[in-house]
Amino acid sequence: MEPQKYVRHTAIKCTVGSILEGTYVQGSENEMSYVLLEEQKMYRANIFGILVQKEGQGAITNMMIDDGTGRIIVRSFEESVMISRLNVGEIVVVIGKVRTYNNERYISPEIMKKIDQKWMKVRQKEVVFRKPMNEEKSEKELVKVAEEKIEKLKVTEEVIPKNEGIVQEEEIHQETILPAEKVVTIIRELDDGSGVLVEDIIEKSPLRETEKVIEKMLERGEIFQNQPGKVKVL
């Protein structure tokens, strides 16, 4: 059987409200989980918002993001320098997969980075508001809500360098990638269709505790063991 070709889906720019109100479709062996936004399948989300809460429980970090259309949890299961640097009140961009646990939706982040406050206004203009939580609110009102929340949290406005462009996935430094995402990248590079030996992943990985990361990924179902000692990406 010919090995299934992996497709890295584009992260769709959207609002928290659209994620919460879209239809969540549980993944299968042949397809990843996704949120149905009208007629578009969203496998990976790209949102901007204010970090309004942040709590750590061991290696797990729960964060609440508010973009003016709703609030959603961003949950990381690994310790990360990227996340440890983020503070409540900052504007952040989050790129990751939407998951669900006990009927609650959350985002499992691949990339999470602080951005300048002014990009919040840029994003509000870029995003098409699909079914906002309050349909009577206009786009201008949603922008105003976000701006008021920024003021309440006393977010310091920074000057954007002249040549700085809108945050793109390709421009974000490698250090912002979570450990699990690094492991996934290694598996995809080494997999010839029959899976990859755990020992080979550990040997190539730059992480200090790669084996523990792999164990957690197996527990969460992000990868699976197709043969003894070998793993594949779902």
C-alpha atoms as a PDB file:
ATOM      1  CA  MET A   1       0.000   0.000   0.000  1.00  0.00           C
ATOM      2  CA  GLU A   2       1.304   3.433  -0.928  1.00  0.00           C
ATOM      3  CA  PRO A   3       1.979   5.543   2.197  1.00  0.00           C
ATOM      4  CA  GLN A   4      -0.492   8.365   2.793  1.00  0.00           C
ATOM      5  CA  LYS A   5       0.953  11.698   1.719  1.00  0.00           C
ATOM      6  CA  TYR A   6       1.039  14.227   4.528  1.00  0.00           C
ATOM      7  CA  VAL A   7      -0.480  17.617   3.779  1.00  0.00           C
ATOM      8  CA  ARG A   8       0.329  20.548   6.061  1.00  0.00           C
ATOM      9  CA  HIS A   9      -2.850  22.585   6.088  1.00  0.00           C
ATOM     10  CA  THR A  10      -2.679  26.367   6.033  1.00  0.00           C
ATOM     11  CA  ALA A  11      -3.576  28.045   9.325  1.00  0.00           C
ATOM     12  CA  ILE A  12      -6.761  30.017   8.674  1.00  0.00           C
ATOM     13  CA  LYS A  13      -7.059  33.520  10.106  1.00  0.00           C
ATOM     14  CA  CYS A  14     -10.265  33.644  12.108  1.00  0.00           C
ATOM     15  CA  THR A  15     -11.878  34.922  15.295  1.00  0.00           C
ATOM     16  CA  VAL A  16     -12.391  33.118  18.582  1.00  0.00           C
ATOM     17  CA  GLY A  17     -16.145  33.506  18.104  1.00  0.00           C
ATOM     18  CA  SER A  18     -16.055  31.619  14.804  1.00  0.00           C
ATOM     19  CA  ILE A  19     -14.071  28.774  16.389  1.00  0.00           C
ATOM     20  CA  LEU A  20     -16.585  28.436  19.220  1.00  0.00           C
ATOM     21  CA  GLU A  21     -19.631  28.551  16.963  1.00  0.00           C
ATOM     22  CA  GLY A  22     -18.291  26.449  14.091  1.00  0.00           C
ATOM     23  CA  THR A  23     -19.078  22.734  13.898  1.00  0.00           C
ATOM     24  CA  TYR A  24     -16.313  20.566  15.387  1.00  0.00           C
ATOM     25  CA  VAL A  25     -15.709  17.346  13.444  1.00  0.00           C
ATOM     26  CA  GLN A  26     -13.733  14.633  15.226  1.00  0.00           C
ATOM     27  CA  GLY A  27     -10.838  13.267  13.198  1.00  0.00           C
ATOM     28  CA  SER A  28     -10.437   9.725  11.921  1.00  0.00           C
ATOM     29  CA  GLU A  29      -7.604   7.517  10.741  1.00  0.00           C
ATOM     30  CA  ASN A  30      -7.734   9.189   7.332  1.00  0.00           C
ATOM     31  CA  GLU A  31      -8.390  12.800   8.294  1.00  0.00           C
ATOM     32  CA  MET A  32      -7.443  15.213  11.077  1.00  0.00           C
ATOM     33  CA  SER A  33     -10.047  16.848  13.307  1.00  0.00           C
ATOM     34  CA  TYR A  34     -11.316  20.188  12.034  1.00  0.00           C
ATOM     35  CA  VAL A  35     -13.808  22.986  12.628  1.00  0.00           C
ATOM     36  CA  LEU A  36     -16.319  23.626   9.872  1.00  0.00           C
ATOM     37  CA  LEU A  37     -16.619  27.377   9.285  1.00  0.00           C
ATOM     38  CA  GLU A  38     -19.623  27.714   6.996  1.00  0.00           C
ATOM     39  CA  GLU A  39     -18.372  25.500   4.132  1.00  0.00           C
ATOM     40  CA  GLN A  40     -14.641  25.688   4.887  1.00  0.00           C
ATOM     41  CA  LYS A  41     -12.712  23.060   6.840  1.00  0.00           C
ATOM     42  CA  MET A  42     -10.274  24.626   9.304  1.00  0.00           C
ATOM     43  CA  TYR A  43      -7.593  22.162  10.418  1.00  0.00           C
ATOM     44  CA  ARG A  44      -5.324  24.819  11.919  1.00  0.00           C
ATOM     45  CA  ALA A  45      -6.334  28.192  13.357  1.00  0.00           C
ATOM     46  CA  ASN A  46      -4.481  31.512  13.342  1.00  0.00           C
ATOM     47  CA  ILE A  47      -5.869  33.963  15.910  1.00  0.00           C
ATOM     48  CA  PHE A  48      -4.835  37.243  17.538  1.00  0.00           C
ATOM     49  CA  GLY A  49      -5.988  38.153  21.026  1.00  0.00           C
ATOM     50  CA  ILE A  50      -5.221  39.434  24.493  1.00  0.00           C
ATOM     51  CA  LEU A  51      -3.724  37.018  27.010  1.00  0.00           C
ATOM     52  CA  VAL A  52      -6.115  37.551  29.930  1.00  0.00           C
ATOM     53  CA  GLN A  53      -5.257  34.524  32.102  1.00  0.00           C
ATOM     54  CA  LYS A  54      -2.281  32.217  32.504  1.00  0.00           C
ATOM     55  CA  GLU A  55      -1.984  29.288  34.921  1.00  0.00           C
ATOM     56  CA  GLY A  56       0.620  26.553  35.171  1.00  0.00           C
ATOM     57  CA  GLN A  57       0.010  23.058  36.535  1.00  0.00           C
ATOM     58  CA  GLY A  58       3.265  21.144  36.315  1.00  0.00           C
ATOM     59  CA  ALA A  59       4.230  20.905  32.653  1.00  0.00           C
ATOM     60  CA  ILE A  60       0.723  21.962  31.557  1.00  0.00           C
ATOM     61  CA  THR A  61      -0.017  25.645  30.974  1.00  0.00           C
ATOM     62  CA  ASN A  62      -3.571  26.924  30.492  1.00  0.00           C
ATOM     63  CA  MET A  63      -4.013  30.369  28.967  1.00  0.00           C
ATOM     64  CA  MET A  64      -7.155  32.343  28.144  1.00  0.00           C
ATOM     65  CA  ILE A  65      -7.239  34.413  24.951  1.00  0.00           C
ATOM     66  CA  ASP A  66      -9.839  37.135  24.310  1.00  0.00           C
ATOM     67  CA  ASP A  67     -10.166  38.826  20.901  1.00  0.00           C
ATOM     68  CA  GLY A  68     -13.403  40.744  21.442  1.00  0.00           C
ATOM     69  CA  THR A  69     -15.607  38.047  19.855  1.00  0.00           C
ATOM     70  CA  GLY A  70     -15.107  35.450  22.567  1.00  0.00           C
ATOM     71  CA  ARG A  71     -12.645  33.674  24.832  1.00  0.00           C
ATOM     72  CA  ILE A  72     -10.862  30.389  24.307  1.00  0.00           C
ATOM     73  CA  ILE A  73      -8.345  28.315  26.254  1.00  0.00           C
ATOM     74  CA  VAL A  74      -4.896  27.751  24.765  1.00  0.00           C
ATOM     75  CA  ARG A  75      -3.432  24.649  26.399  1.00  0.00           C
ATOM     76  CA  SER A  76       0.212  23.580  26.200  1.00  0.00           C
ATOM     77  CA  PHE A  77       1.253  20.180  27.539  1.00  0.00           C
ATOM     78  CA  GLU A  78       5.007  20.794  27.467  1.00  0.00           C
ATOM     79  CA  GLU A  79       7.257  23.260  29.210  1.00  0.00           C
ATOM     80  CA  SER A  80       8.292  25.900  26.710  1.00  0.00           C
ATOM     81  CA  VAL A  81      10.567  28.940  26.832  1.00  0.00           C
ATOM     82  CA  MET A  82       8.268  30.527  24.266  1.00  0.00           C
ATOM     83  CA  ILE A  83       5.255  30.334  26.577  1.00  0.00           C
ATOM     84  CA  SER A  84       7.144  31.134  29.779  1.00  0.00           C
ATOM     85  CA  ARG A  85       8.026  34.545  28.313  1.00  0.00           C
ATOM     86  CA  LEU A  86       4.392  35.553  27.756  1.00  0.00           C
ATOM     87  CA  ASN A  87       2.611  37.738  30.315  1.00  0.00           C
ATOM     88  CA  VAL A  88      -1.027  38.545  31.044  1.00  0.00           C
ATOM     89  CA  GLY A  89      -2.098  41.702  29.214  1.00  0.00           C
ATOM     90  CA  GLU A  90       0.038  41.107  26.130  1.00  0.00           C
ATOM     91  CA  ILE A  91      -1.305  40.807  22.595  1.00  0.00           C
ATOM     92  CA  VAL A  92      -0.390  37.423  21.120  1.00  0.00           C
ATOM     93  CA  VAL A  93      -0.731  35.497  17.889  1.00  0.00           C
ATOM     94  CA  VAL A  94      -1.617  31.811  18.283  1.00  0.00           C
ATOM     95  CA  ILE A  95      -1.293  29.207  15.552  1.00  0.00           C
ATOM     96  CA  GLY A  96      -2.426  25.696  16.351  1.00  0.00           C
ATOM     97  CA  LYS A  97      -5.009  22.942  16.173  1.00  0.00           C
ATOM     98  CA  VAL A  98      -8.462  23.150  17.742  1.00  0.00           C
ATOM     99  CA  ARG A  99      -9.147  20.300  20.163  1.00  0.00           C
ATOM    100  CA  THR A 100     -12.036  19.408  22.445  1.00  0.00           C
ATOM    101  CA  TYR A 101     -12.101  17.915  25.946  1.00  0.00           C
ATOM    102  CA  ASN A 102     -15.265  17.407  28.018  1.00  0.00           C
ATOM    103  CA  ASN A 103     -17.186  19.387  25.375  1.00  0.00           C
ATOM    104  CA  GLU A 104     -14.850  22.375  25.830  1.00  0.00           C
ATOM    105  CA  ARG A 105     -12.879  23.626  22.848  1.00  0.00           C
ATOM    106  CA  TYR A 106      -9.297  24.719  23.213  1.00  0.00           C
ATOM    107  CA  ILE A 107      -6.288  25.358  21.007  1.00  0.00           C
ATOM    108  CA  SER A 108      -3.176  23.200  21.147  1.00  0.00           C
ATOM    109  CA  PRO A 109      -0.509  25.744  20.131  1.00  0.00           C
ATOM    110  CA  GLU A 110       2.229  25.127  17.601  1.00  0.00           C
ATOM    111  CA  ILE A 111       3.334  28.762  17.666  1.00  0.00           C
ATOM    112  CA  MET A 112       2.523  31.464  20.208  1.00  0.00           C
ATOM    113  CA  LYS A 113       4.215  34.836  20.116  1.00  0.00           C
ATOM    114  CA  LYS A 114       3.788  38.333  21.528  1.00  0.00           C
ATOM    115  CA  ILE A 115       3.001  40.931  18.858  1.00  0.00           C
ATOM    116  CA  ASP A 116       2.583  44.686  18.672  1.00  0.00           C
ATOM    117  CA  GLN A 117      -0.744  46.166  19.753  1.00  0.00           C
ATOM    118  CA  LYS A 118      -1.270  47.893  16.412  1.00  0.00           C
ATOM    119  CA  TRP A 119      -1.448  44.567  14.579  1.00  0.00           C
ATOM    120  CA  MET A 120      -4.710  43.895  16.453  1.00  0.00           C
ATOM    121  CA  LYS A 121      -6.352  46.590  14.315  1.00  0.00           C
ATOM    122  CA  VAL A 122      -4.787  45.137  11.170  1.00  0.00           C
ATOM    123  CA  ARG A 123      -6.158  41.703  12.006  1.00  0.00           C
ATOM    124  CA  GLN A 124      -9.642  43.057  12.678  1.00  0.00           C
ATOM    125  CA  LYS A 125      -9.664  44.349   9.098  1.00  0.00           C
ATOM    126  CA  GLU A 126      -8.256  41.105   7.648  1.00  0.00           C
ATOM    127  CA  VAL A 127     -10.612  38.658   9.300  1.00  0.00           C
ATOM    128  CA  VAL A 128     -14.060  38.012   7.945  1.00  0.00           C
ATOM    129  CA  PHE A 129     -16.323  37.780  10.983  1.00  0.00           C
ATOM    130  CA  ARG A 130     -18.168  34.518  10.455  1.00  0.00           C
ATOM    131  CA  LYS A 131     -21.134  34.364  12.808  1.00  0.00           C
ATOM    132  CA  PRO A 132     -19.851  36.506  15.697  1.00  0.00           C
ATOM    133  CA  MET A 133     -21.185  35.634  19.130  1.00  0.00           C
ATOM    134  CA  ASN A 134     -23.368  38.744  19.062  1.00  0.00           C
ATOM    135  CA  GLU A 135     -24.605  39.122  15.482  1.00  0.00           C
ATOM    136  CA  GLU A 136     -25.879  42.618  16.165  1.00  0.00           C
ATOM    137  CA  LYS A 137     -22.334  43.875  16.699  1.00  0.00           C
ATOM    138  CA  SER A 138     -20.728  45.477  13.685  1.00  0.00           C
ATOM    139  CA  GLU A 139     -17.051  45.072  12.809  1.00  0.00           C
ATOM    140  CA  LYS A 140     -16.351  48.571  14.168  1.00  0.00           C
ATOM    141  CA  GLU A 141     -17.969  47.662  17.487  1.00  0.00           C
ATOM    142  CA  LEU A 142     -15.870  44.498  17.738  1.00  0.00           C
ATOM    143  CA  VAL A 143     -12.711  46.518  17.136  1.00  0.00           C
ATOM    144  CA  LYS A 144     -13.806  48.975  19.824  1.00  0.00           C
ATOM    145  CA  VAL A 145     -14.406  46.149  22.318  1.00  0.00           C
ATOM    146  CA  ALA A 146     -10.917  44.773  21.696  1.00  0.00           C
ATOM    147  CA  GLU A 147      -9.349  48.214  22.072  1.00  0.00           C
ATOM    148  CA  GLU A 148     -11.169  48.854  25.359  1.00  0.00           C
ATOM    149  CA  LYS A 149      -9.913  45.554  26.752  1.00  0.00           C
ATOM    150  CA  ILE A 150      -6.385  46.468  25.742  1.00  0.00           C
ATOM    151  CA  GLU A 151      -6.667  49.766  27.626  1.00  0.00           C
ATOM    152  CA  LYS A 152      -8.044  48.067  30.734  1.00  0.00           C
ATOM    153  CA  LEU A 153      -5.110  45.662  30.760  1.00  0.00           C
ATOM    154  CA  LYS A 154      -2.729  48.615  30.283  1.00  0.00           C
ATOM    155  CA  VAL A 155      -0.964  47.145  27.312  1.00  0.00           C
ATOM    156  CA  THR A 156       1.977  49.351  26.390  1.00  0.00           C
ATOM    157  CA  GLU A 157       1.891  50.507  22.794  1.00  0.00           C
ATOM    158  CA  GLU A 158       5.124  49.916  20.926  1.00  0.00           C
ATOM    159  CA  VAL A 159       6.473  51.500  17.736  1.00  0.00           C
ATOM    160  CA  ILE A 160       6.447  49.166  14.744  1.00  0.00           C
ATOM    161  CA  PRO A 161       9.709  49.202  12.746  1.00  0.00           C
ATOM    162  CA  LYS A 162       9.199  50.536   9.202  1.00  0.00           C
ATOM    163  CA  ASN A 163      10.132  47.280   7.515  1.00  0.00           C
ATOM    164  CA  GLU A 164       8.259  44.972   9.857  1.00  0.00           C
ATOM    165  CA  GLY A 165       5.518  43.020   8.081  1.00  0.00           C
ATOM    166  CA  ILE A 166       2.474  41.238   9.381  1.00  0.00           C
ATOM    167  CA  VAL A 167       3.435  38.165  11.378  1.00  0.00           C
ATOM    168  CA  GLN A 168       3.733  35.125   9.133  1.00  0.00           C
ATOM    169  CA  GLU A 169       4.445  31.548  10.200  1.00  0.00           C
ATOM    170  CA  GLU A 170       7.614  31.440   8.097  1.00  0.00           C
ATOM    171  CA  GLU A 171       9.025  34.535   9.813  1.00  0.00           C
ATOM    172  CA  ILE A 172       8.724  33.243  13.356  1.00  0.00           C
ATOM    173  CA  HIS A 173      12.043  32.015  14.747  1.00  0.00           C
ATOM    174  CA  GLN A 174      12.584  28.301  15.274  1.00  0.00           C
ATOM    175  CA  GLU A 175      12.788  28.784  19.048  1.00  0.00           C
ATOM    176  CA  THR A 176       9.049  29.546  19.127  1.00  0.00           C
ATOM    177  CA  ILE A 177       8.160  26.043  17.939  1.00  0.00           C
ATOM    178  CA  LEU A 178       6.865  23.769  20.698  1.00  0.00           C
ATOM    179  CA  PRO A 179       8.722  20.510  21.497  1.00  0.00           C
ATOM    180  CA  ALA A 180       5.887  18.335  20.143  1.00  0.00           C
ATOM    181  CA  GLU A 181       5.951  20.173  16.831  1.00  0.00           C
ATOM    182  CA  LYS A 182       9.718  19.623  16.562  1.00  0.00           C
ATOM    183  CA  VAL A 183       9.225  15.893  17.125  1.00  0.00           C
ATOM    184  CA  VAL A 184       6.459  15.789  14.507  1.00  0.00           C
ATOM    185  CA  THR A 185       8.765  17.498  12.003  1.00  0.00           C
ATOM    186  CA  ILE A 186      11.510  14.929  12.638  1.00  0.00           C
ATOM    187  CA  ILE A 187       9.085  12.018  12.233  1.00  0.00           C
ATOM    188  CA  ARG A 188       7.832  13.364   8.913  1.00  0.00           C
ATOM    189  CA  GLU A 189      11.387  13.867   7.654  1.00  0.00           C
ATOM    190  CA  LEU A 190      12.446  10.314   8.544  1.00  0.00           C
ATOM    191  CA  ASP A 191       9.251   8.389   7.784  1.00  0.00           C
ATOM    192  CA  ASP A 192       9.478   6.351   4.571  1.00  0.00           C
ATOM    193  CA  GLY A 193       5.964   5.019   5.083  1.00  0.00           C
ATOM    194  CA  SER A 194       6.748   2.304   7.622  1.00  0.00           C
ATOM    195  CA  GLY A 195       7.116   4.550  10.659  1.00  0.00           C
ATOM    196  CA  VAL A 196      10.193   5.824  12.490  1.00  0.00           C
ATOM    197  CA  LEU A 197      12.197   4.175  15.255  1.00  0.00           C
ATOM    198  CA  VAL A 198      11.974   6.060  18.540  1.00  0.00           C
ATOM    199  CA  GLU A 199      15.750   5.739  18.874  1.00  0.00           C
ATOM    200  CA  ASP A 200      16.235   7.526  15.541  1.00  0.00           C
ATOM    201  CA  ILE A 201      13.975  10.370  16.649  1.00  0.00           C
ATOM    202  CA  ILE A 202      15.872  10.772  19.925  1.00  0.00           C
ATOM    203  CA  GLU A 203      19.205  10.729  18.081  1.00  0.00           C
ATOM    204  CA  LYS A 204      18.174  13.512  15.687  1.00  0.00           C
ATOM    205  CA  SER A 205      16.185  15.605  18.162  1.00  0.00           C
ATOM    206  CA  PRO A 206      17.749  18.752  19.702  1.00  0.00           C
ATOM    207  CA  LEU A 207      15.469  18.381  22.750  1.00  0.00           C
ATOM    208  CA  ARG A 208      16.819  17.183  26.087  1.00  0.00           C
ATOM    209  CA  GLU A 209      13.805  15.036  27.022  1.00  0.00           C
ATOM    210  CA  THR A 210      12.617  13.785  23.654  1.00  0.00           C
ATOM    211  CA  GLU A 211      11.497  10.415  25.019  1.00  0.00           C
ATOM    212  CA  LYS A 212       9.142  12.067  27.535  1.00  0.00           C
ATOM    213  CA  VAL A 213       7.730  14.311  24.806  1.00  0.00           C
ATOM    214  CA  ILE A 214       7.059  11.237  22.640  1.00  0.00           C
ATOM    215  CA  GLU A 215       5.319   9.461  25.537  1.00  0.00           C
ATOM    216  CA  LYS A 216       3.015  12.440  26.120  1.00  0.00           C
ATOM    217  CA  MET A 217       2.247  12.684  22.405  1.00  0.00           C
ATOM    218  CA  LEU A 218       1.290   9.001  22.357  1.00  0.00           C
ATOM    219  CA  GLU A 219      -0.994   9.534  25.364  1.00  0.00           C
ATOM    220  CA  ARG A 220      -2.710  12.467  23.642  1.00  0.00           C
ATOM    221  CA  GLY A 221      -3.079  10.585  20.372  1.00  0.00           C
ATOM    222  CA  GLU A 222      -0.972  13.013  18.328  1.00  0.00           C
ATOM    223  CA  ILE A 223       1.189  10.123  17.125  1.00  0.00           C
ATOM    224  CA  PHE A 224       0.658   6.353  17.244  1.00  0.00           C
ATOM    225  CA  GLN A 225       2.778   3.224  17.466  1.00  0.00           C
ATOM    226  CA  ASN A 226       2.287   1.278  14.228  1.00  0.00           C
ATOM    227  CA  GLN A 227       4.976  -1.311  15.075  1.00  0.00           C
ATOM    228  CA  PRO A 228       6.947  -2.146  18.220  1.00  0.00           C
ATOM    229  CA  GLY A 229       9.433   0.689  18.707  1.00  0.00           C
ATOM    230  CA  LYS A 230       8.110   2.665  15.727  1.00  0.00           C
ATOM    231  CA  VAL A 231       5.763   5.652  15.592  1.00  0.00           C
ATOM    232  CA  LYS A 232       3.865   7.584  12.938  1.00  0.00           C
ATOM    233  CA  VAL A 233       2.074  10.920  12.802  1.00  0.00           C
ATOM    234  CA  LEU A 234      -1.716  10.838  12.640  1.00  0.00           C
END
